[in-house]
């Protein structure tokens, strides 16, 4: 019987470790994507602030 519970606890621990690894990988990816998106948005707002309207329209179409 002890062997049975030992197996279950090992499986739960392994599952927990996998979930933790996947979670941190997802968090890292999300943070990277969010950082890139923020950078792009900053570029866009800078463009909108500093350019003439026709340049902005050209940039959007292109």
PDB file of N, CA and C in Angstrom:
ATOM      1  N   UNK A   1       0.827  -1.208   0.000  1.00  0.00           N
ATOM      2  CA  UNK A   1       0.000   0.000   0.000  1.00  0.00           C
ATOM      3  C   UNK A   1       0.867   1.267   0.000  1.00  0.00           C
ATOM      4  N   UNK A   2       1.969   1.211   0.763  1.00  0.00           N
ATOM      5  CA  UNK A   2       2.851   2.389   0.806  1.00  0.00           C
ATOM      6  C   UNK A   2       3.431   2.660  -0.572  1.00  0.00           C
ATOM      7  N   UNK A   3       3.744   1.591  -1.286  1.00  0.00           N
ATOM      8  CA  UNK A   3       4.299   1.719  -2.622  1.00  0.00           C
ATOM      9  C   UNK A   3       3.323   2.452  -3.543  1.00  0.00           C
ATOM     10  N   UNK A   4       2.037   2.152  -3.407  1.00  0.00           N
ATOM     11  CA  UNK A   4       0.981   2.788  -4.195  1.00  0.00           C
ATOM     12  C   UNK A   4       0.980   4.305  -3.959  1.00  0.00           C
ATOM     13  N   UNK A   5       0.994   4.721  -2.690  1.00  0.00           N
ATOM     14  CA  UNK A   5       0.980   6.152  -2.369  1.00  0.00           C
ATOM     15  C   UNK A   5       2.268   6.827  -2.809  1.00  0.00           C
ATOM     16  N   UNK A   6       3.382   6.089  -2.710  1.00  0.00           N
ATOM     17  CA  UNK A   6       4.675   6.616  -3.155  1.00  0.00           C
ATOM     18  C   UNK A   6       4.621   6.909  -4.653  1.00  0.00           C
ATOM     19  N   UNK A   7       4.060   5.980  -5.429  1.00  0.00           N
ATOM     20  CA  UNK A   7       3.927   6.182  -6.878  1.00  0.00           C
ATOM     21  C   UNK A   7       3.068   7.403  -7.189  1.00  0.00           C
ATOM     22  N   UNK A   8       1.959   7.522  -6.472  1.00  0.00           N
ATOM     23  CA  UNK A   8       1.056   8.656  -6.706  1.00  0.00           C
ATOM     24  C   UNK A   8       1.765   9.973  -6.385  1.00  0.00           C
ATOM     25  N   UNK A   9       2.484  10.014  -5.264  1.00  0.00           N
ATOM     26  CA  UNK A   9       3.155  11.265  -4.888  1.00  0.00           C
ATOM     27  C   UNK A   9       4.250  11.624  -5.895  1.00  0.00           C
ATOM     28  N   UNK A  10       4.945  10.617  -6.418  1.00  0.00           N
ATOM     29  CA  UNK A  10       5.966  10.868  -7.450  1.00  0.00           C
ATOM     30  C   UNK A  10       5.307  11.451  -8.701  1.00  0.00           C
ATOM     31  N   UNK A  11       4.169  10.857  -9.106  1.00  0.00           N
ATOM     32  CA  UNK A  11       3.457  11.344 -10.296  1.00  0.00           C
ATOM     33  C   UNK A  11       2.964  12.771 -10.092  1.00  0.00           C
ATOM     34  N   UNK A  12       2.423  13.054  -8.907  1.00  0.00           N
ATOM     35  CA  UNK A  12       1.929  14.405  -8.617  1.00  0.00           C
ATOM     36  C   UNK A  12       3.088  15.403  -8.646  1.00  0.00           C
ATOM     37  N   UNK A  13       4.219  15.011  -8.062  1.00  0.00           N
ATOM     38  CA  UNK A  13       5.391  15.896  -8.046  1.00  0.00           C
ATOM     39  C   UNK A  13       5.894  16.157  -9.466  1.00  0.00           C
ATOM     40  N   UNK A  14       5.923  15.112 -10.286  1.00  0.00           N
ATOM     41  CA  UNK A  14       6.367  15.258 -11.676  1.00  0.00           C
ATOM     42  C   UNK A  14       5.427  16.176 -12.442  1.00  0.00           C
ATOM     43  N   UNK A  15       4.134  15.950 -12.254  1.00  0.00           N
ATOM     44  CA  UNK A  15       3.133  16.784 -12.916  1.00  0.00           C
ATOM     45  C   UNK A  15       3.284  18.241 -12.489  1.00  0.00           C
ATOM     46  N   UNK A  16       3.479  18.455 -11.194  1.00  0.00           N
ATOM     47  CA  UNK A  16       3.670  19.809 -10.669  1.00  0.00           C
ATOM     48  C   UNK A  16       4.886  20.479 -11.290  1.00  0.00           C
ATOM     49  N   UNK A  17       5.979  19.720 -11.399  1.00  0.00           N
ATOM     50  CA  UNK A  17       7.210  20.273 -11.980  1.00  0.00           C
ATOM     51  C   UNK A  17       6.997  20.633 -13.448  1.00  0.00           C
ATOM     52  N   UNK A  18       6.287  19.756 -14.172  1.00  0.00           N
ATOM     53  CA  UNK A  18       6.000  20.035 -15.586  1.00  0.00           C
ATOM     54  C   UNK A  18       5.143  21.287 -15.726  1.00  0.00           C
ATOM     55  N   UNK A  19       4.115  21.387 -14.908  1.00  0.00           N
ATOM     56  CA  UNK A  19       3.228  22.556 -14.959  1.00  0.00           C
ATOM     57  C   UNK A  19       4.013  23.828 -14.678  1.00  0.00           C
ATOM     58  N   UNK A  20       4.901  23.758 -13.694  1.00  0.00           N
ATOM     59  CA  UNK A  20       5.706  24.920 -13.333  1.00  0.00           C
ATOM     60  C   UNK A  20       6.598  25.331 -14.500  1.00  0.00           C
ATOM     61  N   UNK A  21       7.210  24.343 -15.146  1.00  0.00           N
ATOM     62  CA  UNK A  21       8.098  24.626 -16.280  1.00  0.00           C
ATOM     63  C   UNK A  21       7.314  25.252 -17.432  1.00  0.00           C
ATOM     64  N   UNK A  22       6.161  24.674 -17.739  1.00  0.00           N
ATOM     65  CA  UNK A  22       5.324  25.198 -18.831  1.00  0.00           C
ATOM     66  C   UNK A  22       4.849  26.604 -18.497  1.00  0.00           C
ATOM     67  N   UNK A  23       4.445  26.802 -17.242  1.00  0.00           N
ATOM     68  CA  UNK A  23       3.982  28.109 -16.792  1.00  0.00           C
ATOM     69  C   UNK A  23       5.049  29.173 -16.963  1.00  0.00           C
ATOM     70  N   UNK A  24       6.264  28.877 -16.513  1.00  0.00           N
ATOM     71  CA  UNK A  24       7.317  29.888 -16.611  1.00  0.00           C
ATOM     72  C   UNK A  24       7.686  30.138 -18.065  1.00  0.00           C
ATOM     73  N   UNK A  25       7.648  29.096 -18.897  1.00  0.00           N
ATOM     74  CA  UNK A  25       7.933  29.283 -20.325  1.00  0.00           C
ATOM     75  C   UNK A  25       6.868  30.170 -20.961  1.00  0.00           C
ATOM     76  N   UNK A  26       5.609  29.915 -20.627  1.00  0.00           N
ATOM     77  CA  UNK A  26       4.511  30.722 -21.177  1.00  0.00           C
ATOM     78  C   UNK A  26       4.620  32.163 -20.710  1.00  0.00           C
ATOM     79  N   UNK A  27       4.953  32.340 -19.435  1.00  0.00           N
ATOM     80  CA  UNK A  27       5.077  33.680 -18.878  1.00  0.00           C
ATOM     81  C   UNK A  27       6.194  34.440 -19.582  1.00  0.00           C
ATOM     82  N   UNK A  28       7.314  33.748 -19.812  1.00  0.00           N
ATOM     83  CA  UNK A  28       8.456  34.370 -20.494  1.00  0.00           C
ATOM     84  C   UNK A  28       8.060  34.791 -21.907  1.00  0.00           C
ATOM     85  N   UNK A  29       7.380  33.885 -22.622  1.00  0.00           N
ATOM     86  CA  UNK A  29       6.944  34.179 -23.993  1.00  0.00           C
ATOM     87  C   UNK A  29       5.982  35.357 -24.002  1.00  0.00           C
ATOM     88  N   UNK A  30       5.013  35.341 -23.070  1.00  0.00           N
ATOM     89  CA  UNK A  30       4.030  36.416 -22.995  1.00  0.00           C
ATOM     90  C   UNK A  30       4.716  37.748 -22.723  1.00  0.00           C
ATOM     91  N   UNK A  31       5.666  37.748 -21.774  1.00  0.00           N
ATOM     92  CA  UNK A  31       6.383  38.984 -21.454  1.00  0.00           C
ATOM     93  C   UNK A  31       7.164  39.494 -22.651  1.00  0.00           C
ATOM     94  N   UNK A  32       7.797  38.579 -23.386  1.00  0.00           N
ATOM     95  CA  UNK A  32       8.560  38.973 -24.574  1.00  0.00           C
ATOM     96  C   UNK A  32       7.635  39.581 -25.619  1.00  0.00           C
ATOM     97  N   UNK A  33       6.507  38.911 -25.876  1.00  0.00           N
ATOM     98  CA  UNK A  33       5.550  39.419 -26.866  1.00  0.00           C
ATOM     99  C   UNK A  33       5.001  40.771 -26.440  1.00  0.00           C
ATOM    100  N   UNK A  34       4.692  40.901 -25.141  1.00  0.00           N
ATOM    101  CA  UNK A  34       4.159  42.161 -24.630  1.00  0.00           C
ATOM    102  C   UNK A  34       5.192  43.273 -24.804  1.00  0.00           C
ATOM    103  N   UNK A  35       6.463  42.941 -24.546  1.00  0.00           N
ATOM    104  CA  UNK A  35       7.547  43.921 -24.695  1.00  0.00           C
ATOM    105  C   UNK A  35       7.657  44.375 -26.147  1.00  0.00           C
ATOM    106  N   UNK A  36       7.607  43.404 -27.078  1.00  0.00           N
ATOM    107  CA  UNK A  36       7.699  43.727 -28.507  1.00  0.00           C
ATOM    108  C   UNK A  36       6.512  44.596 -28.915  1.00  0.00           C
ATOM    109  N   UNK A  37       5.307  44.214 -28.451  1.00  0.00           N
ATOM    110  CA  UNK A  37       4.096  44.970 -28.785  1.00  0.00           C
ATOM    111  C   UNK A  37       4.205  46.401 -28.267  1.00  0.00           C
ATOM    112  N   UNK A  38       4.702  46.546 -27.032  1.00  0.00           N
ATOM    113  CA  UNK A  38       4.860  47.876 -26.450  1.00  0.00           C
ATOM    114  C   UNK A  38       5.842  48.700 -27.269  1.00  0.00           C
ATOM    115  N   UNK A  39       6.944  48.066 -27.675  1.00  0.00           N
ATOM    116  CA  UNK A  39       7.941  48.762 -28.491  1.00  0.00           C
ATOM    117  C   UNK A  39       7.321  49.217 -29.813  1.00  0.00           C
ATOM    118  N   UNK A  40       6.573  48.319 -30.455  1.00  0.00           N
ATOM    119  CA  UNK A  40       5.939  48.655 -31.734  1.00  0.00           C
ATOM    120  C   UNK A  40       4.952  49.797 -31.557  1.00  0.00           C
ATOM    121  N   UNK A  41       4.162  49.719 -30.484  1.00  0.00           N
ATOM    122  CA  UNK A  41       3.166  50.751 -30.232  1.00  0.00           C
ATOM    123  C   UNK A  41       3.844  52.088 -30.003  1.00  0.00           C
ATOM    124  N   UNK A  42       4.979  52.070 -29.281  1.00  0.00           N
ATOM    125  CA  UNK A  42       5.726  53.302 -29.038  1.00  0.00           C
ATOM    126  C   UNK A  42       6.210  53.877 -30.359  1.00  0.00           C
ATOM    127  N   UNK A  43       6.717  53.012 -31.234  1.00  0.00           N
ATOM    128  CA  UNK A  43       7.160  53.470 -32.557  1.00  0.00           C
ATOM    129  C   UNK A  43       6.006  54.116 -33.309  1.00  0.00           C
ATOM    130  N   UNK A  44       4.847  53.467 -33.264  1.00  0.00           N
ATOM    131  CA  UNK A  44       3.669  53.991 -33.967  1.00  0.00           C
ATOM    132  C   UNK A  44       3.259  55.343 -33.416  1.00  0.00           C
ATOM    133  N   UNK A  45       3.201  55.465 -32.084  1.00  0.00           N
ATOM    134  CA  UNK A  45       2.761  56.732 -31.504  1.00  0.00           C
ATOM    135  C   UNK A  45       3.777  57.822 -31.792  1.00  0.00           C
ATOM    136  N   UNK A  46       5.070  57.467 -31.783  1.00  0.00           N
ATOM    137  CA  UNK A  46       6.099  58.446 -32.151  1.00  0.00           C
ATOM    138  C   UNK A  46       5.890  58.904 -33.585  1.00  0.00           C
ATOM    139  N   UNK A  47       5.578  57.951 -34.453  1.00  0.00           N
ATOM    140  CA  UNK A  47       5.347  58.264 -35.856  1.00  0.00           C
ATOM    141  C   UNK A  47       4.154  59.212 -35.994  1.00  0.00           C
ATOM    142  N   UNK A  48       3.079  58.898 -35.262  1.00  0.00           N
ATOM    143  CA  UNK A  48       1.874  59.719 -35.350  1.00  0.00           C
ATOM    144  C   UNK A  48       2.126  61.123 -34.805  1.00  0.00           C
ATOM    145  N   UNK A  49       2.963  61.217 -33.789  1.00  0.00           N
ATOM    146  CA  UNK A  49       3.219  62.514 -33.183  1.00  0.00           C
ATOM    147  C   UNK A  49       4.117  63.380 -34.057  1.00  0.00           C
ATOM    148  N   UNK A  50       5.088  62.737 -34.711  1.00  0.00           N
ATOM    149  CA  UNK A  50       6.143  63.535 -35.340  1.00  0.00           C
ATOM    150  C   UNK A  50       5.952  63.741 -36.844  1.00  0.00           C
ATOM    151  N   UNK A  51       5.015  63.021 -37.451  1.00  0.00           N
ATOM    152  CA  UNK A  51       4.933  63.056 -38.913  1.00  0.00           C
ATOM    153  C   UNK A  51       3.773  63.905 -39.404  1.00  0.00           C
ATOM    154  N   UNK A  52       3.864  64.220 -40.671  1.00  0.00           N
ATOM    155  CA  UNK A  52       2.738  64.864 -41.341  1.00  0.00           C
ATOM    156  C   UNK A  52       1.694  63.791 -41.643  1.00  0.00           C
ATOM    157  N   UNK A  53       0.428  64.132 -41.704  1.00  0.00           N
ATOM    158  CA  UNK A  53      -0.633  63.123 -41.917  1.00  0.00           C
ATOM    159  C   UNK A  53      -0.418  62.261 -43.152  1.00  0.00           C
ATOM    160  N   UNK A  54       0.054  62.858 -44.247  1.00  0.00           N
ATOM    161  CA  UNK A  54       0.226  62.045 -45.462  1.00  0.00           C
ATOM    162  C   UNK A  54       1.328  60.998 -45.287  1.00  0.00           C
ATOM    163  N   UNK A  55       2.351  61.316 -44.499  1.00  0.00           N
ATOM    164  CA  UNK A  55       3.402  60.330 -44.227  1.00  0.00           C
ATOM    165  C   UNK A  55       2.845  59.169 -43.411  1.00  0.00           C
ATOM    166  N   UNK A  56       1.981  59.483 -42.451  1.00  0.00           N
ATOM    167  CA  UNK A  56       1.372  58.444 -41.617  1.00  0.00           C
ATOM    168  C   UNK A  56       0.522  57.521 -42.476  1.00  0.00           C
ATOM    169  N   UNK A  57      -0.294  58.094 -43.352  1.00  0.00           N
ATOM    170  CA  UNK A  57      -1.162  57.294 -44.224  1.00  0.00           C
ATOM    171  C   UNK A  57      -0.310  56.412 -45.133  1.00  0.00           C
ATOM    172  N   UNK A  58       0.761  56.990 -45.675  1.00  0.00           N
ATOM    173  CA  UNK A  58       1.665  56.207 -46.532  1.00  0.00           C
ATOM    174  C   UNK A  58       2.265  55.043 -45.748  1.00  0.00           C
ATOM    175  N   UNK A  59       2.669  55.309 -44.513  1.00  0.00           N
ATOM    176  CA  UNK A  59       3.284  54.271 -43.678  1.00  0.00           C
ATOM    177  C   UNK A  59       2.288  53.151 -43.374  1.00  0.00           C
ATOM    178  N   UNK A  60       1.033  53.518 -43.095  1.00  0.00           N
ATOM    179  CA  UNK A  60      -0.001  52.515 -42.783  1.00  0.00           C
ATOM    180  C   UNK A  60      -0.288  51.656 -44.012  1.00  0.00           C
ATOM    181  N   UNK A  61      -0.433  52.286 -45.172  1.00  0.00           N
ATOM    182  CA  UNK A  61      -0.756  51.556 -46.403  1.00  0.00           C
ATOM    183  C   UNK A  61       0.393  50.634 -46.786  1.00  0.00           C
ATOM    184  N   UNK A  62       1.604  51.135 -46.652  1.00  0.00           N
ATOM    185  CA  UNK A  62       2.777  50.352 -47.017  1.00  0.00           C
ATOM    186  C   UNK A  62       2.907  49.220 -46.033  1.00  0.00           C
TER     187      UNK A  62
END
